[in-house]
């Protein structure tokens, strides 16, 4: 475990330094079209993958077929890894993020420039209409929309808490919803996500839910599919960690 802590610390320093350097280099890109910023973020994601693999010994495996047509992707959220990996695997989607995050220097500038979708949690009906309009504009660009339906990160094995916003968005945009399960929280873990346990994160793209379901039917299908698959992936990940002498 001491070696894991050391490798995690080295990765943290490398990640912080590389992110700072790239943020400074990317600042002039704010003057260019949004697609340039989206491509620049792609480079940062791959740089992070490199650091995870080489420094921390963390790899990933993809199961199922990531959608290439515009869909609403709804994913389990356990760690920061999810936002990085799904940005790559879904080919630069528009992520739904809390509006207040857009106020953070550099990060907020970049996500707004890349045309991500900000949501005002207190806006209720008007916020949903704005989010749906933004999502349709993203679909017109041929891009997916990514949402984390629980609204925040959940530890592996924690009780699910799916928010109604995903159903409202699904009902208004009339597009398929692609559920995504994963077990990243077993490997990107510890206080603040500091600890990186070597192993293979698994992300699984599940069969899409076709548009047109009623709200309750959709929510039940989404939660059942994601949670059933996630439970299996977490059990598989825990067995893999245990075989290497780790626990979560």
Protein backbone atom coordinates (compact mmCIF):
# COMPACT_ATOMS: atom_id res chain seq x y z
CA UNK A 1 0.00 0.00 0.00
CA UNK A 2 2.94 2.36 0.65
CA UNK A 3 3.96 2.00 -2.99
CA UNK A 4 0.40 2.81 -4.08
CA UNK A 5 0.42 5.98 -1.96
CA UNK A 6 3.77 7.03 -3.44
CA UNK A 7 2.59 6.41 -7.01
CA UNK A 8 -0.65 8.25 -6.27
CA UNK A 9 1.30 11.24 -4.94
CA UNK A 10 3.51 11.30 -8.03
CA UNK A 11 0.45 11.13 -10.26
CA UNK A 12 -1.23 13.93 -8.30
CA UNK A 13 1.79 16.19 -8.77
CA UNK A 14 2.06 15.30 -12.46
CA UNK A 15 -1.68 15.80 -13.00
CA UNK A 16 -1.69 19.17 -11.24
CA UNK A 17 1.39 20.38 -13.13
CA UNK A 18 0.26 19.17 -16.56
CA UNK A 19 -3.25 20.56 -16.05
CA UNK A 20 -1.86 23.94 -15.00
CA UNK A 21 0.46 24.13 -17.99
CA UNK A 22 -2.24 23.09 -20.45
CA UNK A 23 -4.72 25.54 -18.90
CA UNK A 24 -2.30 28.39 -19.55
CA UNK A 25 -1.60 27.18 -23.07
CA UNK A 26 -5.32 26.77 -23.79
CA UNK A 27 -6.34 30.24 -22.62
CA UNK A 28 -5.78 31.88 -26.06
CA UNK A 29 -8.09 29.23 -27.53
CA UNK A 30 -10.98 31.05 -25.89
CA UNK A 31 -10.80 33.41 -28.87
CA UNK A 32 -11.24 30.58 -31.39
CA UNK A 33 -14.33 28.51 -32.37
CA UNK A 34 -15.73 26.10 -29.75
CA UNK A 35 -14.63 23.00 -31.69
CA UNK A 36 -11.00 24.01 -31.11
CA UNK A 37 -11.48 24.01 -27.35
CA UNK A 38 -13.27 20.65 -27.53
CA UNK A 39 -10.32 19.15 -29.41
CA UNK A 40 -7.87 20.66 -26.93
CA UNK A 41 -9.78 19.05 -24.06
CA UNK A 42 -9.44 15.74 -25.91
CA UNK A 43 -5.65 16.09 -25.72
CA UNK A 44 -5.80 16.79 -21.97
CA UNK A 45 -7.92 13.66 -21.44
CA UNK A 46 -5.43 11.46 -23.28
CA UNK A 47 -2.57 13.01 -21.32
CA UNK A 48 -4.41 12.05 -18.13
CA UNK A 49 -4.87 8.49 -19.39
CA UNK A 50 -1.13 8.30 -20.05
CA UNK A 51 -0.32 9.43 -16.52
CA UNK A 52 -2.78 6.99 -14.98
CA UNK A 53 -1.37 4.10 -16.98
CA UNK A 54 2.35 4.84 -16.67
CA UNK A 55 2.53 6.38 -13.20
CA UNK A 56 -0.38 4.82 -11.28
CA UNK A 57 -0.89 1.55 -13.17
CA UNK A 58 -4.57 2.27 -13.85
CA UNK A 59 -5.97 1.13 -17.19
CA UNK A 60 -9.48 0.78 -18.52
CA UNK A 61 -11.60 -1.65 -20.53
CA UNK A 62 -14.64 -0.77 -22.62
CA UNK A 63 -17.55 -3.17 -22.97
CA UNK A 64 -20.45 -2.68 -25.33
CA UNK A 65 -20.52 -0.16 -28.16
CA UNK A 66 -20.21 3.54 -27.39
CA UNK A 67 -22.94 5.36 -29.34
CA UNK A 68 -21.78 7.45 -32.26
CA UNK A 69 -25.19 8.86 -33.16
CA UNK A 70 -26.58 11.74 -31.05
CA UNK A 71 -28.15 10.26 -27.90
CA UNK A 72 -28.69 11.15 -24.27
CA UNK A 73 -26.01 9.18 -22.40
CA UNK A 74 -26.84 8.63 -18.71
CA UNK A 75 -23.93 7.34 -16.68
CA UNK A 76 -23.11 6.16 -13.19
CA UNK A 77 -20.78 8.65 -11.50
CA UNK A 78 -18.14 7.48 -9.02
CA UNK A 79 -15.06 9.60 -9.67
CA UNK A 80 -13.46 12.31 -11.78
CA UNK A 81 -12.29 9.56 -14.12
CA UNK A 82 -15.85 9.25 -15.44
CA UNK A 83 -15.94 12.75 -16.90
CA UNK A 84 -12.50 12.34 -18.48
CA UNK A 85 -13.11 8.90 -19.98
CA UNK A 86 -16.64 9.49 -21.22
CA UNK A 87 -15.57 12.71 -22.91
CA UNK A 88 -13.23 10.60 -25.03
CA UNK A 89 -15.41 7.52 -25.46
CA UNK A 90 -18.47 9.55 -26.48
CA UNK A 91 -16.37 11.73 -28.81
CA UNK A 92 -16.62 15.15 -27.22
CA UNK A 93 -20.17 15.13 -25.81
CA UNK A 94 -21.84 18.10 -24.18
CA UNK A 95 -21.82 17.36 -20.46
CA UNK A 96 -24.57 18.62 -18.20
CA UNK A 97 -22.86 20.45 -15.31
CA UNK A 98 -23.88 22.57 -12.34
CA UNK A 99 -24.05 26.22 -13.32
CA UNK A 100 -21.91 27.30 -10.36
CA UNK A 101 -18.99 25.25 -11.72
CA UNK A 102 -18.93 27.63 -14.67
CA UNK A 103 -17.75 30.36 -12.30
CA UNK A 104 -14.45 28.59 -11.58
CA UNK A 105 -11.53 30.34 -13.33
CA UNK A 106 -10.10 28.42 -16.29
CA UNK A 107 -12.34 25.37 -15.80
CA UNK A 108 -15.52 27.41 -16.09
CA UNK A 109 -14.18 29.38 -19.04
CA UNK A 110 -13.25 26.22 -20.88
CA UNK A 111 -16.51 24.30 -20.34
CA UNK A 112 -18.59 27.27 -21.43
CA UNK A 113 -16.43 27.78 -24.52
CA UNK A 114 -16.73 24.07 -25.38
CA UNK A 115 -20.53 24.50 -25.29
CA UNK A 116 -21.30 22.22 -22.37
CA UNK A 117 -24.78 22.46 -20.85
CA UNK A 118 -25.14 24.38 -17.59
CA UNK A 119 -28.10 23.59 -15.35
CA UNK A 120 -29.63 25.81 -12.70
CA UNK A 121 -30.89 23.40 -10.05
CA UNK A 122 -33.21 26.03 -8.62
CA UNK A 123 -34.73 27.01 -11.96
CA UNK A 124 -37.21 24.12 -12.09
CA UNK A 125 -39.42 24.22 -15.22
CA UNK A 126 -37.61 27.09 -16.94
CA UNK A 127 -34.25 25.43 -16.29
CA UNK A 128 -35.48 22.17 -17.81
CA UNK A 129 -36.74 23.96 -20.92
CA UNK A 130 -33.40 25.72 -21.31
CA UNK A 131 -31.50 22.44 -20.83
CA UNK A 132 -33.70 20.69 -23.42
CA UNK A 133 -33.18 23.50 -25.93
CA UNK A 134 -29.42 23.34 -25.39
CA UNK A 135 -29.48 19.55 -25.82
CA UNK A 136 -31.34 19.79 -29.12
CA UNK A 137 -28.75 22.30 -30.35
CA UNK A 138 -26.01 19.83 -29.41
CA UNK A 139 -27.78 17.02 -31.29
CA UNK A 140 -27.92 19.29 -34.34
CA UNK A 141 -24.11 19.37 -34.21
CA UNK A 142 -24.03 15.56 -34.28
CA UNK A 143 -22.83 15.30 -30.67
CA UNK A 144 -24.15 13.33 -27.68
CA UNK A 145 -25.35 14.81 -24.40
CA UNK A 146 -23.91 13.29 -21.21
CA UNK A 147 -25.73 13.48 -17.89
CA UNK A 148 -25.06 11.88 -14.51
CA UNK A 149 -28.63 11.14 -13.36
CA UNK A 150 -27.80 11.00 -9.66
CA UNK A 151 -26.40 14.51 -9.85
CA UNK A 152 -23.25 13.75 -7.88
CA UNK A 153 -20.62 11.07 -7.26
CA UNK A 154 -21.60 7.90 -5.44
CA UNK A 155 -19.25 5.46 -3.74
CA UNK A 156 -19.33 1.85 -4.99
CA UNK A 157 -22.19 0.04 -3.30
CA UNK A 158 -23.94 3.21 -2.11
CA UNK A 159 -27.73 3.34 -2.39
CA UNK A 160 -28.80 4.88 -5.72
CA UNK A 161 -30.52 8.26 -5.79
CA UNK A 162 -31.69 9.06 -9.31
CA UNK A 163 -32.98 12.60 -9.81
CA UNK A 164 -36.07 13.39 -11.94
CA UNK A 165 -34.18 15.83 -14.15
CA UNK A 166 -32.95 13.07 -16.45
CA UNK A 167 -36.54 11.93 -17.07
CA UNK A 168 -37.63 15.48 -17.83
CA UNK A 169 -34.80 15.89 -20.32
CA UNK A 170 -35.49 12.49 -21.91
CA UNK A 171 -39.17 13.37 -22.29
CA UNK A 172 -38.51 16.69 -24.01
CA UNK A 173 -35.74 15.83 -26.46
CA UNK A 174 -37.29 12.71 -28.00
CA UNK A 175 -33.97 10.86 -28.38
CA UNK A 176 -32.77 7.43 -27.19
CA UNK A 177 -31.06 7.21 -23.81
CA UNK A 178 -27.86 5.16 -23.57
CA UNK A 179 -27.22 3.89 -20.00
CA UNK A 180 -23.59 3.57 -18.90
CA UNK A 181 -22.30 1.48 -15.98
CA UNK A 182 -18.80 1.54 -14.50
CA UNK A 183 -16.68 0.73 -11.45
CA UNK A 184 -14.13 3.57 -11.45
CA UNK A 185 -14.71 4.37 -7.77
CA UNK A 186 -12.80 1.24 -6.79
CA UNK A 187 -9.60 2.49 -8.41
CA UNK A 188 -9.88 6.30 -8.25
CA UNK A 189 -10.67 6.46 -4.56
CA UNK A 190 -9.69 7.78 -1.12
CA UNK A 191 -10.22 11.30 0.31
CA UNK A 192 -10.63 13.71 -2.59
CA UNK A 193 -9.97 10.88 -5.02
CA UNK A 194 -6.27 11.00 -4.14
CA UNK A 195 -5.61 7.26 -4.08
CA UNK A 196 -5.14 5.46 -7.40
CA UNK A 197 -5.16 1.67 -7.02
CA UNK A 198 -3.53 -0.19 -9.91
CA UNK A 199 -5.93 -2.26 -11.96
CA UNK A 200 -8.43 -2.05 -14.79
CA UNK A 201 -11.50 0.17 -14.65
CA UNK A 202 -14.42 -1.23 -16.60
CA UNK A 203 -16.98 0.96 -18.34
CA UNK A 204 -19.94 -0.71 -20.03
CA UNK A 205 -22.29 0.81 -22.59
CA UNK A 206 -25.70 -0.82 -22.24
CA UNK A 207 -28.50 -1.22 -24.82
CA UNK A 208 -30.27 2.10 -25.38
CA UNK A 209 -33.70 2.95 -24.04
CA UNK A 210 -35.86 4.04 -26.94
CA UNK A 211 -37.71 7.38 -26.74
CA UNK A 212 -41.38 7.65 -25.85
CA UNK A 213 -41.59 5.88 -22.49
CA UNK A 214 -43.60 7.41 -19.68
CA UNK A 215 -41.61 9.05 -16.89
CA UNK A 216 -42.00 6.28 -14.30
CA UNK A 217 -41.34 3.54 -16.84
CA UNK A 218 -38.22 5.32 -18.09
CA UNK A 219 -36.84 5.97 -14.61
CA UNK A 220 -37.37 2.35 -13.61
CA UNK A 221 -35.69 1.04 -16.77
CA UNK A 222 -32.75 3.43 -16.45
CA UNK A 223 -32.05 2.74 -12.79
CA UNK A 224 -32.49 -1.02 -13.17
CA UNK A 225 -30.14 -1.27 -16.14
CA UNK A 226 -27.40 0.94 -14.69
CA UNK A 227 -27.53 -0.45 -11.16
CA UNK A 228 -27.71 -4.11 -12.22
CA UNK A 229 -24.69 -3.75 -14.51
CA UNK A 230 -22.79 -1.57 -12.02
CA UNK A 231 -23.28 -4.11 -9.23
CA UNK A 232 -21.72 -6.80 -11.42
CA UNK A 233 -18.81 -4.56 -12.43
CA UNK A 234 -18.14 -3.57 -8.82
CA UNK A 235 -18.11 -7.23 -7.75
CA UNK A 236 -15.70 -8.02 -10.60
CA UNK A 237 -13.48 -5.08 -9.69
CA UNK A 238 -13.41 -6.02 -6.01
CA UNK A 239 -12.39 -9.57 -6.90
CA UNK A 240 -9.61 -8.21 -9.10
CA UNK A 241 -8.36 -5.90 -6.33
CA UNK A 242 -8.52 -8.71 -3.77
CA UNK A 243 -6.42 -10.96 -6.01
CA UNK A 244 -3.75 -8.24 -5.96
CA UNK A 245 -3.92 -7.80 -2.20
CA UNK A 246 -6.12 -4.70 -2.11
CA UNK A 247 -9.54 -3.91 -0.70
CA UNK A 248 -11.87 -1.00 -1.39
